[in-house]
């Protein structure tokens, strides 16, 4: 079964360009919607594997559409693709169930975000089974002591500090200082 992506943007040129960019990266089935209401209807009907929503669309904007879609398809990743990126928009989008907000000015990031969310689904079909080790392995035991602080694992040594002649080495302090 092909992976399905829904793109919702009121600009037909943006939808086509994004669809073309996605087709160049994978064999995905891409559906397009012109606004938030159409995106919600198509999402309910087609149950895509990933949804890309524009923020500023007539009628229902991307955040409202994400909120509704998230009620029906909470496991489907939604990416908000917008010209109007601000920290406030990002926070509101995340509250609505959007997984990632990507500025339209950064076209490479949208493709990476799509691959990030779809790759685990593709790899998920391959089961990796590891055999347990044939030789028994002793568990690491930390001896208990009277104080809780004594039972901590030793920390790695701090890096060596420069010495006066510019070489790297341990530093020492005299008690006369």
C-alpha atoms as a PDB file:
ATOM      1  CA  UNK A   1       0.000   0.000   0.000  1.00  0.00           C
ATOM      2  CA  UNK A   2       1.384   3.391  -0.995  1.00  0.00           C
ATOM      3  CA  UNK A   3       2.034   6.055   1.584  1.00  0.00           C
ATOM      4  CA  UNK A   4      -0.573   8.802   1.316  1.00  0.00           C
ATOM      5  CA  UNK A   5       0.155  12.503   1.840  1.00  0.00           C
ATOM      6  CA  UNK A   6      -2.468  15.249   1.958  1.00  0.00           C
ATOM      7  CA  UNK A   7      -1.376  18.790   1.018  1.00  0.00           C
ATOM      8  CA  UNK A   8      -3.745  21.652   1.872  1.00  0.00           C
ATOM      9  CA  UNK A   9      -2.880  25.126   0.587  1.00  0.00           C
ATOM     10  CA  UNK A  10      -5.067  27.784  -1.003  1.00  0.00           C
ATOM     11  CA  UNK A  11      -2.359  28.536  -3.576  1.00  0.00           C
ATOM     12  CA  UNK A  12      -2.483  26.009  -6.430  1.00  0.00           C
ATOM     13  CA  UNK A  13       1.103  26.803  -7.486  1.00  0.00           C
ATOM     14  CA  UNK A  14       2.419  26.041  -4.007  1.00  0.00           C
ATOM     15  CA  UNK A  15       0.452  22.767  -3.882  1.00  0.00           C
ATOM     16  CA  UNK A  16       1.784  21.667  -7.275  1.00  0.00           C
ATOM     17  CA  UNK A  17       5.383  22.652  -6.491  1.00  0.00           C
ATOM     18  CA  UNK A  18       5.284  20.839  -3.166  1.00  0.00           C
ATOM     19  CA  UNK A  19       3.706  17.773  -4.766  1.00  0.00           C
ATOM     20  CA  UNK A  20       6.424  17.743  -7.461  1.00  0.00           C
ATOM     21  CA  UNK A  21       9.165  18.033  -4.828  1.00  0.00           C
ATOM     22  CA  UNK A  22       7.621  15.156  -2.877  1.00  0.00           C
ATOM     23  CA  UNK A  23       7.245  12.975  -5.974  1.00  0.00           C
ATOM     24  CA  UNK A  24      10.968  13.447  -6.626  1.00  0.00           C
ATOM     25  CA  UNK A  25      11.759  12.034  -3.157  1.00  0.00           C
ATOM     26  CA  UNK A  26       9.493   8.995  -3.037  1.00  0.00           C
ATOM     27  CA  UNK A  27       6.676   6.979  -4.488  1.00  0.00           C
ATOM     28  CA  UNK A  28       3.878   8.540  -2.535  1.00  0.00           C
ATOM     29  CA  UNK A  29       0.203   9.022  -3.272  1.00  0.00           C
ATOM     30  CA  UNK A  30      -0.498  12.744  -2.937  1.00  0.00           C
ATOM     31  CA  UNK A  31      -3.923  14.346  -2.534  1.00  0.00           C
ATOM     32  CA  UNK A  32      -4.514  18.088  -2.579  1.00  0.00           C
ATOM     33  CA  UNK A  33      -7.039  20.346  -0.847  1.00  0.00           C
ATOM     34  CA  UNK A  34      -7.708  24.076  -1.384  1.00  0.00           C
ATOM     35  CA  UNK A  35      -8.754  24.996   2.158  1.00  0.00           C
ATOM     36  CA  UNK A  36      -9.143  23.763   5.713  1.00  0.00           C
ATOM     37  CA  UNK A  37     -12.675  22.397   5.322  1.00  0.00           C
ATOM     38  CA  UNK A  38     -11.662  20.336   2.297  1.00  0.00           C
ATOM     39  CA  UNK A  39      -8.539  19.144   4.142  1.00  0.00           C
ATOM     40  CA  UNK A  40     -10.652  17.915   7.082  1.00  0.00           C
ATOM     41  CA  UNK A  41     -13.091  16.117   4.759  1.00  0.00           C
ATOM     42  CA  UNK A  42     -10.319  14.451   2.732  1.00  0.00           C
ATOM     43  CA  UNK A  43      -8.394  13.507   5.870  1.00  0.00           C
ATOM     44  CA  UNK A  44     -11.451  11.771   7.357  1.00  0.00           C
ATOM     45  CA  UNK A  45     -12.221  10.013   4.077  1.00  0.00           C
ATOM     46  CA  UNK A  46      -8.725   8.993   2.941  1.00  0.00           C
ATOM     47  CA  UNK A  47      -6.874   8.653   6.266  1.00  0.00           C
ATOM     48  CA  UNK A  48      -3.488   9.850   4.944  1.00  0.00           C
ATOM     49  CA  UNK A  49      -0.180   8.901   6.529  1.00  0.00           C
ATOM     50  CA  UNK A  50       0.932  12.559   6.742  1.00  0.00           C
ATOM     51  CA  UNK A  51      -0.759  15.943   6.313  1.00  0.00           C
ATOM     52  CA  UNK A  52       0.797  19.250   5.275  1.00  0.00           C
ATOM     53  CA  UNK A  53      -1.346  22.290   6.047  1.00  0.00           C
ATOM     54  CA  UNK A  54      -0.908  25.933   5.120  1.00  0.00           C
ATOM     55  CA  UNK A  55      -1.692  28.344   7.945  1.00  0.00           C
ATOM     56  CA  UNK A  56      -3.500  31.127   6.081  1.00  0.00           C
ATOM     57  CA  UNK A  57      -6.358  29.583   4.106  1.00  0.00           C
ATOM     58  CA  UNK A  58      -9.843  31.004   3.531  1.00  0.00           C
ATOM     59  CA  UNK A  59     -12.596  29.693   5.785  1.00  0.00           C
ATOM     60  CA  UNK A  60     -10.862  27.306   8.165  1.00  0.00           C
ATOM     61  CA  UNK A  61      -7.168  28.102   8.695  1.00  0.00           C
ATOM     62  CA  UNK A  62      -4.470  25.472   9.157  1.00  0.00           C
ATOM     63  CA  UNK A  63      -4.460  25.547  12.955  1.00  0.00           C
ATOM     64  CA  UNK A  64      -8.231  25.060  13.195  1.00  0.00           C
ATOM     65  CA  UNK A  65      -8.053  22.296  10.567  1.00  0.00           C
ATOM     66  CA  UNK A  66      -5.247  20.607  12.523  1.00  0.00           C
ATOM     67  CA  UNK A  67      -7.331  20.732  15.695  1.00  0.00           C
ATOM     68  CA  UNK A  68     -10.271  18.988  13.974  1.00  0.00           C
ATOM     69  CA  UNK A  69      -8.132  16.458  12.099  1.00  0.00           C
ATOM     70  CA  UNK A  70      -6.267  15.617  15.302  1.00  0.00           C
ATOM     71  CA  UNK A  71      -9.584  14.617  16.920  1.00  0.00           C
ATOM     72  CA  UNK A  72     -10.204  12.012  14.196  1.00  0.00           C
ATOM     73  CA  UNK A  73      -6.631  10.997  13.350  1.00  0.00           C
ATOM     74  CA  UNK A  74      -4.454  11.671  16.413  1.00  0.00           C
ATOM     75  CA  UNK A  75      -1.596   9.448  15.198  1.00  0.00           C
ATOM     76  CA  UNK A  76      -1.225  11.127  11.803  1.00  0.00           C
ATOM     77  CA  UNK A  77       1.647  13.639  11.762  1.00  0.00           C
ATOM     78  CA  UNK A  78       0.616  17.136  10.703  1.00  0.00           C
ATOM     79  CA  UNK A  79       3.155  19.650   9.410  1.00  0.00           C
ATOM     80  CA  UNK A  80       2.218  23.329   9.250  1.00  0.00           C
ATOM     81  CA  UNK A  81       3.866  24.961   6.217  1.00  0.00           C
ATOM     82  CA  UNK A  82       3.544  28.735   6.448  1.00  0.00           C
ATOM     83  CA  UNK A  83       4.790  32.121   5.318  1.00  0.00           C
ATOM     84  CA  UNK A  84       3.632  33.554   8.642  1.00  0.00           C
ATOM     85  CA  UNK A  85       6.014  31.754  10.994  1.00  0.00           C
ATOM     86  CA  UNK A  86       6.400  33.317  14.440  1.00  0.00           C
ATOM     87  CA  UNK A  87       7.076  31.733  17.819  1.00  0.00           C
ATOM     88  CA  UNK A  88       3.454  32.380  18.778  1.00  0.00           C
ATOM     89  CA  UNK A  89       2.164  30.614  15.632  1.00  0.00           C
ATOM     90  CA  UNK A  90       4.458  27.683  16.399  1.00  0.00           C
ATOM     91  CA  UNK A  91       3.154  27.383  19.973  1.00  0.00           C
ATOM     92  CA  UNK A  92      -0.496  27.568  18.876  1.00  0.00           C
ATOM     93  CA  UNK A  93       0.129  25.013  16.138  1.00  0.00           C
ATOM     94  CA  UNK A  94       1.760  22.574  18.560  1.00  0.00           C
ATOM     95  CA  UNK A  95      -1.193  22.975  20.939  1.00  0.00           C
ATOM     96  CA  UNK A  96      -3.514  22.079  18.032  1.00  0.00           C
ATOM     97  CA  UNK A  97      -1.692  18.812  17.366  1.00  0.00           C
ATOM     98  CA  UNK A  98       0.760  19.925  14.692  1.00  0.00           C
ATOM     99  CA  UNK A  99       4.036  18.010  15.017  1.00  0.00           C
ATOM    100  CA  UNK A 100       6.261  20.497  13.205  1.00  0.00           C
ATOM    101  CA  UNK A 101       6.018  24.061  11.888  1.00  0.00           C
ATOM    102  CA  UNK A 102       8.086  24.822   8.790  1.00  0.00           C
ATOM    103  CA  UNK A 103       8.547  28.208   7.129  1.00  0.00           C
ATOM    104  CA  UNK A 104       7.780  28.236   3.409  1.00  0.00           C
ATOM    105  CA  UNK A 105      10.966  30.207   2.889  1.00  0.00           C
ATOM    106  CA  UNK A 106      12.924  27.065   3.815  1.00  0.00           C
ATOM    107  CA  UNK A 107      11.824  24.592   1.130  1.00  0.00           C
ATOM    108  CA  UNK A 108      14.442  21.949   1.955  1.00  0.00           C
ATOM    109  CA  UNK A 109      13.190  21.679   5.535  1.00  0.00           C
ATOM    110  CA  UNK A 110       9.691  20.622   4.487  1.00  0.00           C
ATOM    111  CA  UNK A 111      11.097  17.689   2.512  1.00  0.00           C
ATOM    112  CA  UNK A 112      13.295  16.649   5.439  1.00  0.00           C
ATOM    113  CA  UNK A 113      10.334  16.905   7.822  1.00  0.00           C
ATOM    114  CA  UNK A 114       8.192  14.708   5.572  1.00  0.00           C
ATOM    115  CA  UNK A 115      10.934  12.096   5.353  1.00  0.00           C
ATOM    116  CA  UNK A 116      11.482  12.298   9.107  1.00  0.00           C
ATOM    117  CA  UNK A 117       7.860  11.366   9.814  1.00  0.00           C
ATOM    118  CA  UNK A 118       7.423   8.838   7.017  1.00  0.00           C
ATOM    119  CA  UNK A 119      10.704   6.934   7.233  1.00  0.00           C
ATOM    120  CA  UNK A 120       9.870   5.201  10.537  1.00  0.00           C
ATOM    121  CA  UNK A 121       6.607   3.967   8.996  1.00  0.00           C
ATOM    122  CA  UNK A 122       8.456   2.465   6.043  1.00  0.00           C
ATOM    123  CA  UNK A 123      11.208   0.949   8.168  1.00  0.00           C
ATOM    124  CA  UNK A 124       8.583  -0.304  10.619  1.00  0.00           C
ATOM    125  CA  UNK A 125       7.664  -3.093   8.197  1.00  0.00           C
ATOM    126  CA  UNK A 126      11.112  -4.662   8.586  1.00  0.00           C
ATOM    127  CA  UNK A 127      11.538  -6.633  11.780  1.00  0.00           C
ATOM    128  CA  UNK A 128      15.025  -6.796  13.252  1.00  0.00           C
ATOM    129  CA  UNK A 129      15.417  -9.688  15.647  1.00  0.00           C
ATOM    130  CA  UNK A 130      18.572  -9.920  17.676  1.00  0.00           C
ATOM    131  CA  UNK A 131      19.631 -13.189  19.219  1.00  0.00           C
ATOM    132  CA  UNK A 132      20.471 -13.067  22.900  1.00  0.00           C
ATOM    133  CA  UNK A 133      24.201 -13.476  23.561  1.00  0.00           C
ATOM    134  CA  UNK A 134      25.315 -17.117  23.711  1.00  0.00           C
ATOM    135  CA  UNK A 135      27.725 -16.397  26.547  1.00  0.00           C
ATOM    136  CA  UNK A 136      26.099 -15.369  29.814  1.00  0.00           C
ATOM    137  CA  UNK A 137      26.774 -11.753  30.671  1.00  0.00           C
ATOM    138  CA  UNK A 138      27.224 -10.759  34.302  1.00  0.00           C
ATOM    139  CA  UNK A 139      25.180  -7.746  35.319  1.00  0.00           C
ATOM    140  CA  UNK A 140      27.047  -4.710  36.608  1.00  0.00           C
ATOM    141  CA  UNK A 141      26.712  -4.524  40.347  1.00  0.00           C
ATOM    142  CA  UNK A 142      27.234  -1.324  42.288  1.00  0.00           C
ATOM    143  CA  UNK A 143      27.952  -2.203  45.898  1.00  0.00           C
ATOM    144  CA  UNK A 144      25.745  -0.595  48.489  1.00  0.00           C
ATOM    145  CA  UNK A 145      27.311   1.472  51.193  1.00  0.00           C
ATOM    146  CA  UNK A 146      26.098   3.319  54.227  1.00  0.00           C
ATOM    147  CA  UNK A 147      25.594   6.629  52.393  1.00  0.00           C
ATOM    148  CA  UNK A 148      23.531   7.177  49.246  1.00  0.00           C
ATOM    149  CA  UNK A 149      26.215   9.434  47.776  1.00  0.00           C
ATOM    150  CA  UNK A 150      28.775   6.634  48.084  1.00  0.00           C
ATOM    151  CA  UNK A 151      26.822   4.401  45.672  1.00  0.00           C
ATOM    152  CA  UNK A 152      27.256   6.656  42.659  1.00  0.00           C
ATOM    153  CA  UNK A 153      29.005   5.633  39.473  1.00  0.00           C
ATOM    154  CA  UNK A 154      32.422   7.296  39.036  1.00  0.00           C
ATOM    155  CA  UNK A 155      32.343  10.292  36.716  1.00  0.00           C
ATOM    156  CA  UNK A 156      34.744  10.682  33.799  1.00  0.00           C
ATOM    157  CA  UNK A 157      37.846  12.778  34.358  1.00  0.00           C
ATOM    158  CA  UNK A 158      37.676  16.424  33.340  1.00  0.00           C
ATOM    159  CA  UNK A 159      39.826  17.393  30.345  1.00  0.00           C
ATOM    160  CA  UNK A 160      43.363  18.497  30.993  1.00  0.00           C
ATOM    161  CA  UNK A 161      43.982  22.224  31.221  1.00  0.00           C
ATOM    162  CA  UNK A 162      46.765  24.091  29.377  1.00  0.00           C
ATOM    163  CA  UNK A 163      50.111  24.384  31.109  1.00  0.00           C
ATOM    164  CA  UNK A 164      52.177  27.587  31.218  1.00  0.00           C
ATOM    165  CA  UNK A 165      54.308  26.740  28.147  1.00  0.00           C
ATOM    166  CA  UNK A 166      51.216  26.210  25.957  1.00  0.00           C
ATOM    167  CA  UNK A 167      51.282  22.409  26.024  1.00  0.00           C
ATOM    168  CA  UNK A 168      48.289  20.424  27.185  1.00  0.00           C
ATOM    169  CA  UNK A 169      48.676  18.553  30.408  1.00  0.00           C
ATOM    170  CA  UNK A 170      47.418  18.241  33.956  1.00  0.00           C
ATOM    171  CA  UNK A 171      47.388  21.295  36.129  1.00  0.00           C
ATOM    172  CA  UNK A 172      48.715  21.317  39.636  1.00  0.00           C
ATOM    173  CA  UNK A 173      48.413  23.856  42.334  1.00  0.00           C
ATOM    174  CA  UNK A 174      50.951  24.412  45.018  1.00  0.00           C
ATOM    175  CA  UNK A 175      49.839  24.890  48.536  1.00  0.00           C
ATOM    176  CA  UNK A 176      51.784  28.161  48.630  1.00  0.00           C
ATOM    177  CA  UNK A 177      49.286  29.934  46.347  1.00  0.00           C
END
